[in-house]
């Protein structure tokens, strides 16, 4: 399995973190892990992240500012939450309001984990493509505005040239009429 980008696993429990990483790597998915959101690296490293897997409780912890960190550093990454069976309602609400891409219950099924990560990576890839297309569109609209102004200026020059030609023609005709 070859995903564009990488998967980051944020899980404080080392056994779960290692198990998630080994499960994904067994499927050929490049995964890195850390115990907290503070371990999210530089902006360049974040740009290559496709999926962030983290415990739902950590994602919802308002005191850490996790949402702001993820939005500023990893805006295109899809977030997959790890949830206990008791948190399914909360996880479903988070998916519904767009806070997370999806979730996997603890303990997870390998197939469910892998398919969710693949779908999340595809969504991240689409978000990056859309952002790139929007940027290209903005540049094209700016070029269009510049070209429209240049075209208007050329139109004004052409009008002035036509007026000068007509004036010269009228002057020549008057001179010709006087001589005859």
C-alpha atoms as a PDB file:
ATOM      1  CA  UNK A   1       0.000   0.000   0.000  1.00  0.00           C
ATOM      2  CA  UNK A   2       1.533   3.309  -1.013  1.00  0.00           C
ATOM      3  CA  UNK A   3      -0.083   6.416   0.412  1.00  0.00           C
ATOM      4  CA  UNK A   4       0.947   9.885  -0.635  1.00  0.00           C
ATOM      5  CA  UNK A   5       2.213  11.500   2.522  1.00  0.00           C
ATOM      6  CA  UNK A   6       2.680  10.081   5.951  1.00  0.00           C
ATOM      7  CA  UNK A   7       0.611   9.047   8.924  1.00  0.00           C
ATOM      8  CA  UNK A   8       1.294  10.496  12.365  1.00  0.00           C
ATOM      9  CA  UNK A   9       0.092   8.598  15.405  1.00  0.00           C
ATOM     10  CA  UNK A  10      -0.337  10.602  18.607  1.00  0.00           C
ATOM     11  CA  UNK A  11      -1.002   8.261  21.496  1.00  0.00           C
ATOM     12  CA  UNK A  12       0.278   8.609  25.064  1.00  0.00           C
ATOM     13  CA  UNK A  13       0.244   4.853  25.699  1.00  0.00           C
ATOM     14  CA  UNK A  14       3.386   3.415  24.123  1.00  0.00           C
ATOM     15  CA  UNK A  15       1.947  -0.087  23.642  1.00  0.00           C
ATOM     16  CA  UNK A  16      -1.036   1.235  21.666  1.00  0.00           C
ATOM     17  CA  UNK A  17       1.207   3.623  19.728  1.00  0.00           C
ATOM     18  CA  UNK A  18       3.614   0.836  18.741  1.00  0.00           C
ATOM     19  CA  UNK A  19       0.774  -1.529  17.891  1.00  0.00           C
ATOM     20  CA  UNK A  20      -0.847   1.063  15.601  1.00  0.00           C
ATOM     21  CA  UNK A  21       2.461   1.837  13.934  1.00  0.00           C
ATOM     22  CA  UNK A  22       3.317  -1.840  13.363  1.00  0.00           C
ATOM     23  CA  UNK A  23      -0.174  -2.565  12.010  1.00  0.00           C
ATOM     24  CA  UNK A  24       0.065   0.250   9.477  1.00  0.00           C
ATOM     25  CA  UNK A  25       3.666  -0.473   8.512  1.00  0.00           C
ATOM     26  CA  UNK A  26       2.753  -4.138   7.931  1.00  0.00           C
ATOM     27  CA  UNK A  27       0.378  -2.785   5.275  1.00  0.00           C
ATOM     28  CA  UNK A  28       3.151  -0.667   3.733  1.00  0.00           C
ATOM     29  CA  UNK A  29       1.891   2.603   5.187  1.00  0.00           C
ATOM     30  CA  UNK A  30       4.616   4.945   6.443  1.00  0.00           C
ATOM     31  CA  UNK A  31       3.747   5.834  10.024  1.00  0.00           C
ATOM     32  CA  UNK A  32       5.493   7.929  12.649  1.00  0.00           C
ATOM     33  CA  UNK A  33       4.417   8.248  16.227  1.00  0.00           C
ATOM     34  CA  UNK A  34       4.651  10.456  19.255  1.00  0.00           C
ATOM     35  CA  UNK A  35       3.142  10.648  22.688  1.00  0.00           C
ATOM     36  CA  UNK A  36       1.744  14.190  22.444  1.00  0.00           C
ATOM     37  CA  UNK A  37       0.734  16.923  20.012  1.00  0.00           C
ATOM     38  CA  UNK A  38       3.746  18.919  21.127  1.00  0.00           C
ATOM     39  CA  UNK A  39       5.828  16.454  19.106  1.00  0.00           C
ATOM     40  CA  UNK A  40       4.335  17.610  15.828  1.00  0.00           C
ATOM     41  CA  UNK A  41       7.355  18.776  13.884  1.00  0.00           C
ATOM     42  CA  UNK A  42       8.108  21.720  11.680  1.00  0.00           C
ATOM     43  CA  UNK A  43       5.770  23.166   9.083  1.00  0.00           C
ATOM     44  CA  UNK A  44       7.603  21.304   6.280  1.00  0.00           C
ATOM     45  CA  UNK A  45       7.160  17.990   8.058  1.00  0.00           C
ATOM     46  CA  UNK A  46       3.471  18.709   8.620  1.00  0.00           C
ATOM     47  CA  UNK A  47       2.889  19.462   4.947  1.00  0.00           C
ATOM     48  CA  UNK A  48       3.706  15.841   4.112  1.00  0.00           C
ATOM     49  CA  UNK A  49       1.247  14.473   6.679  1.00  0.00           C
ATOM     50  CA  UNK A  50      -1.859  12.912   5.185  1.00  0.00           C
ATOM     51  CA  UNK A  51      -3.427  11.461   8.310  1.00  0.00           C
ATOM     52  CA  UNK A  52      -3.175  12.136  12.029  1.00  0.00           C
ATOM     53  CA  UNK A  53      -4.434   9.382  14.312  1.00  0.00           C
ATOM     54  CA  UNK A  54      -5.111  10.473  17.884  1.00  0.00           C
ATOM     55  CA  UNK A  55      -7.247   9.648  20.873  1.00  0.00           C
ATOM     56  CA  UNK A  56     -10.597  11.452  20.739  1.00  0.00           C
ATOM     57  CA  UNK A  57     -10.215  12.672  24.335  1.00  0.00           C
ATOM     58  CA  UNK A  58      -6.897  14.330  23.458  1.00  0.00           C
ATOM     59  CA  UNK A  59      -8.448  15.913  20.373  1.00  0.00           C
ATOM     60  CA  UNK A  60     -11.325  17.327  22.410  1.00  0.00           C
ATOM     61  CA  UNK A  61      -9.119  18.655  25.217  1.00  0.00           C
ATOM     62  CA  UNK A  62      -9.751  22.392  24.948  1.00  0.00           C
ATOM     63  CA  UNK A  63      -6.871  23.287  27.259  1.00  0.00           C
ATOM     64  CA  UNK A  64      -4.175  22.102  24.839  1.00  0.00           C
ATOM     65  CA  UNK A  65      -5.346  24.057  21.782  1.00  0.00           C
ATOM     66  CA  UNK A  66      -5.002  20.952  19.632  1.00  0.00           C
ATOM     67  CA  UNK A  67      -7.437  22.173  16.985  1.00  0.00           C
ATOM     68  CA  UNK A  68      -5.489  25.393  16.488  1.00  0.00           C
ATOM     69  CA  UNK A  69      -2.196  23.487  16.285  1.00  0.00           C
ATOM     70  CA  UNK A  70      -3.567  21.088  13.688  1.00  0.00           C
ATOM     71  CA  UNK A  71      -5.280  23.792  11.628  1.00  0.00           C
ATOM     72  CA  UNK A  72      -2.200  26.012  11.535  1.00  0.00           C
ATOM     73  CA  UNK A  73       0.474  23.359  11.060  1.00  0.00           C
ATOM     74  CA  UNK A  74      -1.300  20.559   9.201  1.00  0.00           C
ATOM     75  CA  UNK A  75      -4.295  22.129   7.433  1.00  0.00           C
ATOM     76  CA  UNK A  76      -4.787  19.374   4.858  1.00  0.00           C
ATOM     77  CA  UNK A  77      -4.244  16.357   7.086  1.00  0.00           C
ATOM     78  CA  UNK A  78      -7.274  14.194   7.838  1.00  0.00           C
ATOM     79  CA  UNK A  79      -7.837  13.392  11.489  1.00  0.00           C
ATOM     80  CA  UNK A  80      -8.837   9.895  12.543  1.00  0.00           C
ATOM     81  CA  UNK A  81      -9.835   9.520  16.185  1.00  0.00           C
ATOM     82  CA  UNK A  82      -9.298   6.482  18.361  1.00  0.00           C
ATOM     83  CA  UNK A  83     -12.396   6.003  20.487  1.00  0.00           C
ATOM     84  CA  UNK A  84     -13.626   3.671  23.155  1.00  0.00           C
ATOM     85  CA  UNK A  85     -16.940   1.948  22.656  1.00  0.00           C
ATOM     86  CA  UNK A  86     -18.346   4.387  25.231  1.00  0.00           C
ATOM     87  CA  UNK A  87     -17.406   7.439  23.108  1.00  0.00           C
ATOM     88  CA  UNK A  88     -19.146   6.470  19.867  1.00  0.00           C
ATOM     89  CA  UNK A  89     -21.839   9.136  20.177  1.00  0.00           C
ATOM     90  CA  UNK A  90     -19.276  11.865  20.689  1.00  0.00           C
ATOM     91  CA  UNK A  91     -17.134  10.534  17.815  1.00  0.00           C
ATOM     92  CA  UNK A  92     -20.130  10.432  15.486  1.00  0.00           C
ATOM     93  CA  UNK A  93     -20.952  14.046  16.373  1.00  0.00           C
ATOM     94  CA  UNK A  94     -17.347  15.069  15.655  1.00  0.00           C
ATOM     95  CA  UNK A  95     -17.500  13.432  12.235  1.00  0.00           C
ATOM     96  CA  UNK A  96     -20.856  15.101  11.585  1.00  0.00           C
ATOM     97  CA  UNK A  97     -19.589  18.586  12.399  1.00  0.00           C
ATOM     98  CA  UNK A  98     -16.363  18.088  10.431  1.00  0.00           C
ATOM     99  CA  UNK A  99     -13.990  18.159  13.389  1.00  0.00           C
ATOM    100  CA  UNK A 100     -12.559  14.757  12.412  1.00  0.00           C
ATOM    101  CA  UNK A 101     -12.558  12.657   9.255  1.00  0.00           C
ATOM    102  CA  UNK A 102     -13.495   9.402  10.934  1.00  0.00           C
ATOM    103  CA  UNK A 103     -12.820   7.146  13.878  1.00  0.00           C
ATOM    104  CA  UNK A 104     -11.681   3.663  14.788  1.00  0.00           C
ATOM    105  CA  UNK A 105     -12.793   1.951  17.967  1.00  0.00           C
ATOM    106  CA  UNK A 106     -10.371   0.537  20.518  1.00  0.00           C
ATOM    107  CA  UNK A 107      -9.544  -2.293  20.140  1.00  0.00           C
ATOM    108  CA  UNK A 108      -9.438  -1.856  16.386  1.00  0.00           C
ATOM    109  CA  UNK A 109      -9.851  -4.311  13.574  1.00  0.00           C
ATOM    110  CA  UNK A 110      -6.891  -4.248  11.199  1.00  0.00           C
ATOM    111  CA  UNK A 111      -9.120  -3.980   8.124  1.00  0.00           C
ATOM    112  CA  UNK A 112     -11.138  -1.135   9.630  1.00  0.00           C
ATOM    113  CA  UNK A 113      -8.006   0.766  10.636  1.00  0.00           C
ATOM    114  CA  UNK A 114      -6.328   0.366   7.255  1.00  0.00           C
ATOM    115  CA  UNK A 115      -9.432   1.229   5.209  1.00  0.00           C
ATOM    116  CA  UNK A 116     -10.131   4.300   7.367  1.00  0.00           C
ATOM    117  CA  UNK A 117      -6.532   5.512   7.045  1.00  0.00           C
ATOM    118  CA  UNK A 118      -6.577   4.984   3.264  1.00  0.00           C
ATOM    119  CA  UNK A 119      -9.876   6.887   2.911  1.00  0.00           C
ATOM    120  CA  UNK A 120      -8.563   9.665   5.170  1.00  0.00           C
ATOM    121  CA  UNK A 121      -5.374   9.923   3.096  1.00  0.00           C
ATOM    122  CA  UNK A 122      -7.426  10.207  -0.097  1.00  0.00           C
ATOM    123  CA  UNK A 123      -9.515  12.975   1.476  1.00  0.00           C
ATOM    124  CA  UNK A 124      -6.316  14.809   2.471  1.00  0.00           C
ATOM    125  CA  UNK A 125      -4.985  14.417  -1.064  1.00  0.00           C
ATOM    126  CA  UNK A 126      -8.203  15.922  -2.446  1.00  0.00           C
ATOM    127  CA  UNK A 127      -8.019  18.837   0.013  1.00  0.00           C
ATOM    128  CA  UNK A 128      -4.461  19.571  -1.144  1.00  0.00           C
ATOM    129  CA  UNK A 129      -5.539  19.383  -4.786  1.00  0.00           C
ATOM    130  CA  UNK A 130      -8.478  21.709  -4.150  1.00  0.00           C
ATOM    131  CA  UNK A 131      -6.237  24.185  -2.310  1.00  0.00           C
ATOM    132  CA  UNK A 132      -3.788  24.108  -5.210  1.00  0.00           C
ATOM    133  CA  UNK A 133      -6.567  24.628  -7.748  1.00  0.00           C
ATOM    134  CA  UNK A 134      -7.962  27.541  -5.725  1.00  0.00           C
ATOM    135  CA  UNK A 135      -4.515  29.113  -5.625  1.00  0.00           C
ATOM    136  CA  UNK A 136      -4.138  28.632  -9.380  1.00  0.00           C
ATOM    137  CA  UNK A 137      -7.593  30.131  -9.942  1.00  0.00           C
ATOM    138  CA  UNK A 138      -6.713  33.180  -7.859  1.00  0.00           C
ATOM    139  CA  UNK A 139      -3.529  33.673  -9.888  1.00  0.00           C
ATOM    140  CA  UNK A 140      -5.454  33.290 -13.153  1.00  0.00           C
ATOM    141  CA  UNK A 141      -8.091  35.783 -12.015  1.00  0.00           C
ATOM    142  CA  UNK A 142      -5.336  38.253 -11.184  1.00  0.00           C
ATOM    143  CA  UNK A 143      -3.776  37.717 -14.611  1.00  0.00           C
ATOM    144  CA  UNK A 144      -7.193  38.125 -16.209  1.00  0.00           C
ATOM    145  CA  UNK A 145      -7.682  41.460 -14.450  1.00  0.00           C
ATOM    146  CA  UNK A 146      -4.245  42.641 -15.586  1.00  0.00           C
ATOM    147  CA  UNK A 147      -4.884  41.535 -19.166  1.00  0.00           C
ATOM    148  CA  UNK A 148      -8.311  43.195 -19.147  1.00  0.00           C
ATOM    149  CA  UNK A 149      -6.704  46.479 -18.096  1.00  0.00           C
ATOM    150  CA  UNK A 150      -4.017  46.100 -20.752  1.00  0.00           C
ATOM    151  CA  UNK A 151      -6.672  45.321 -23.368  1.00  0.00           C
ATOM    152  CA  UNK A 152      -8.665  48.404 -22.358  1.00  0.00           C
ATOM    153  CA  UNK A 153      -5.509  50.533 -22.617  1.00  0.00           C
ATOM    154  CA  UNK A 154      -4.776  49.096 -26.066  1.00  0.00           C
ATOM    155  CA  UNK A 155      -8.385  49.747 -27.051  1.00  0.00           C
ATOM    156  CA  UNK A 156      -7.988  53.382 -25.995  1.00  0.00           C
ATOM    157  CA  UNK A 157      -4.738  53.648 -27.986  1.00  0.00           C
ATOM    158  CA  UNK A 158      -6.450  52.148 -31.035  1.00  0.00           C
ATOM    159  CA  UNK A 159      -9.342  54.608 -30.709  1.00  0.00           C
ATOM    160  CA  UNK A 160      -6.881  57.503 -30.448  1.00  0.00           C
ATOM    161  CA  UNK A 161      -4.960  56.214 -33.486  1.00  0.00           C
ATOM    162  CA  UNK A 162      -8.202  55.869 -35.480  1.00  0.00           C
ATOM    163  CA  UNK A 163      -9.194  59.425 -34.542  1.00  0.00           C
ATOM    164  CA  UNK A 164      -5.761  60.686 -35.599  1.00  0.00           C
ATOM    165  CA  UNK A 165      -6.021  58.819 -38.930  1.00  0.00           C
ATOM    166  CA  UNK A 166      -9.516  60.184 -39.578  1.00  0.00           C
ATOM    167  CA  UNK A 167      -8.352  63.662 -38.688  1.00  0.00           C
ATOM    168  CA  UNK A 168      -5.381  63.312 -41.055  1.00  0.00           C
ATOM    169  CA  UNK A 169      -7.647  61.964 -43.807  1.00  0.00           C
ATOM    170  CA  UNK A 170     -10.066  64.857 -43.331  1.00  0.00           C
ATOM    171  CA  UNK A 171      -7.183  67.334 -43.431  1.00  0.00           C
ATOM    172  CA  UNK A 172      -5.792  65.760 -46.626  1.00  0.00           C
ATOM    173  CA  UNK A 173      -9.254  65.805 -48.208  1.00  0.00           C
ATOM    174  CA  UNK A 174      -9.714  69.494 -47.368  1.00  0.00           C
ATOM    175  CA  UNK A 175      -6.316  70.293 -48.862  1.00  0.00           C
ATOM    176  CA  UNK A 176      -7.152  68.284 -51.975  1.00  0.00           C
ATOM    177  CA  UNK A 177     -10.528  70.012 -52.299  1.00  0.00           C
ATOM    178  CA  UNK A 178      -8.882  73.448 -52.035  1.00  0.00           C
ATOM    179  CA  UNK A 179      -6.391  72.627 -54.780  1.00  0.00           C
ATOM    180  CA  UNK A 180      -9.104  71.482 -57.141  1.00  0.00           C
END
